[in-house]
Amino acid sequence: MKSNEAVRAVMAADGITQMELANKLGYKTQSGVGNALSRENGMRVDVFVKMMNAMGYDVIVRRGKDEMTVTE
């Protein structure tokens, strides 16, 4: 699953619109969210983490038993 697909899945599951996510991120319009979601090859990692955090999710990197939370 690409990063933009993961964001879309969370938005759909939680009933969050692009405008609502834009507001949580401090964007003036939803175009910043829409542009990131429409990228064919996914989105930048920092944008992905910022969006997931704004929706109340953590991004975890795990290797075996070791894991770390990625922050903005």
Protein backbone atom coordinates (compact mmCIF):
# COMPACT_ATOMS: atom_id res chain seq x y z
CA MET A 1 0.00 0.00 0.00
CA LYS A 2 1.40 3.38 -0.99
CA SER A 3 1.47 6.23 1.50
CA ASN A 4 -1.33 8.17 -0.19
CA GLU A 5 -3.48 5.03 -0.21
CA ALA A 6 -2.89 4.59 3.52
CA VAL A 7 -3.94 8.20 4.20
CA ARG A 8 -7.05 7.73 2.06
CA ALA A 9 -7.91 4.50 3.92
CA VAL A 10 -7.63 6.23 7.31
CA MET A 11 -9.68 9.18 6.07
CA ALA A 12 -12.41 6.85 4.82
CA ALA A 13 -12.42 4.72 7.99
CA ASP A 14 -12.59 7.78 10.24
CA GLY A 15 -14.92 9.81 8.01
CA ILE A 16 -12.43 12.66 7.54
CA THR A 17 -12.77 14.88 4.48
CA GLN A 18 -9.88 16.54 2.67
CA MET A 19 -11.03 19.91 4.02
CA GLU A 20 -11.15 18.60 7.59
CA LEU A 21 -7.63 17.21 7.26
CA ALA A 22 -6.46 20.47 5.71
CA ASN A 23 -7.87 22.35 8.71
CA LYS A 24 -6.09 20.00 11.14
CA LEU A 25 -2.85 20.65 9.26
CA GLY A 26 -3.34 24.41 9.27
CA TYR A 27 -3.78 24.66 5.49
CA LYS A 28 -6.04 27.42 4.14
CA THR A 29 -7.51 25.19 1.41
CA GLN A 30 -7.86 21.48 0.76
CA SER A 31 -5.63 21.62 -2.31
CA GLY A 32 -2.49 20.77 -0.30
CA VAL A 33 -4.14 17.56 0.86
CA GLY A 34 -5.61 16.81 -2.55
CA ASN A 35 -2.28 17.34 -4.30
CA ALA A 36 -0.46 15.01 -1.90
CA LEU A 37 -3.14 12.33 -2.25
CA SER A 38 -3.15 12.47 -6.04
CA ARG A 39 0.56 11.82 -6.54
CA GLU A 40 0.99 8.65 -8.56
CA ASN A 41 4.08 7.49 -6.67
CA GLY A 42 2.89 8.27 -3.15
CA MET A 43 3.92 11.26 -1.07
CA ARG A 44 6.96 12.52 0.79
CA VAL A 45 7.56 10.81 4.11
CA ASP A 46 7.38 14.05 6.11
CA VAL A 47 3.99 14.89 4.61
CA PHE A 48 2.74 11.35 5.28
CA VAL A 49 3.82 11.50 8.93
CA LYS A 50 2.32 14.96 9.38
CA MET A 51 -1.03 13.85 7.92
CA MET A 52 -1.18 10.66 9.96
CA ASN A 53 -0.27 12.50 13.16
CA ALA A 54 -2.94 15.14 12.47
CA MET A 55 -5.52 12.33 12.31
CA GLY A 56 -4.32 10.85 15.60
CA TYR A 57 -2.14 8.04 14.22
CA ASP A 58 1.50 7.20 14.87
CA VAL A 59 3.88 6.02 12.17
CA ILE A 60 5.96 3.12 13.48
CA VAL A 61 9.14 1.69 12.00
CA ARG A 62 9.72 -1.87 13.16
CA ARG A 63 12.50 -4.38 12.75
CA GLY A 64 11.92 -7.57 14.67
CA LYS A 65 11.22 -6.59 18.26
CA ASP A 66 12.77 -3.13 17.89
CA GLU A 67 10.51 -0.27 16.91
CA MET A 68 10.50 3.50 16.85
CA THR A 69 7.86 6.14 16.29
CA VAL A 70 8.48 8.55 13.43
CA THR A 71 7.60 12.16 14.27
CA GLU A 72 7.43 15.35 12.27
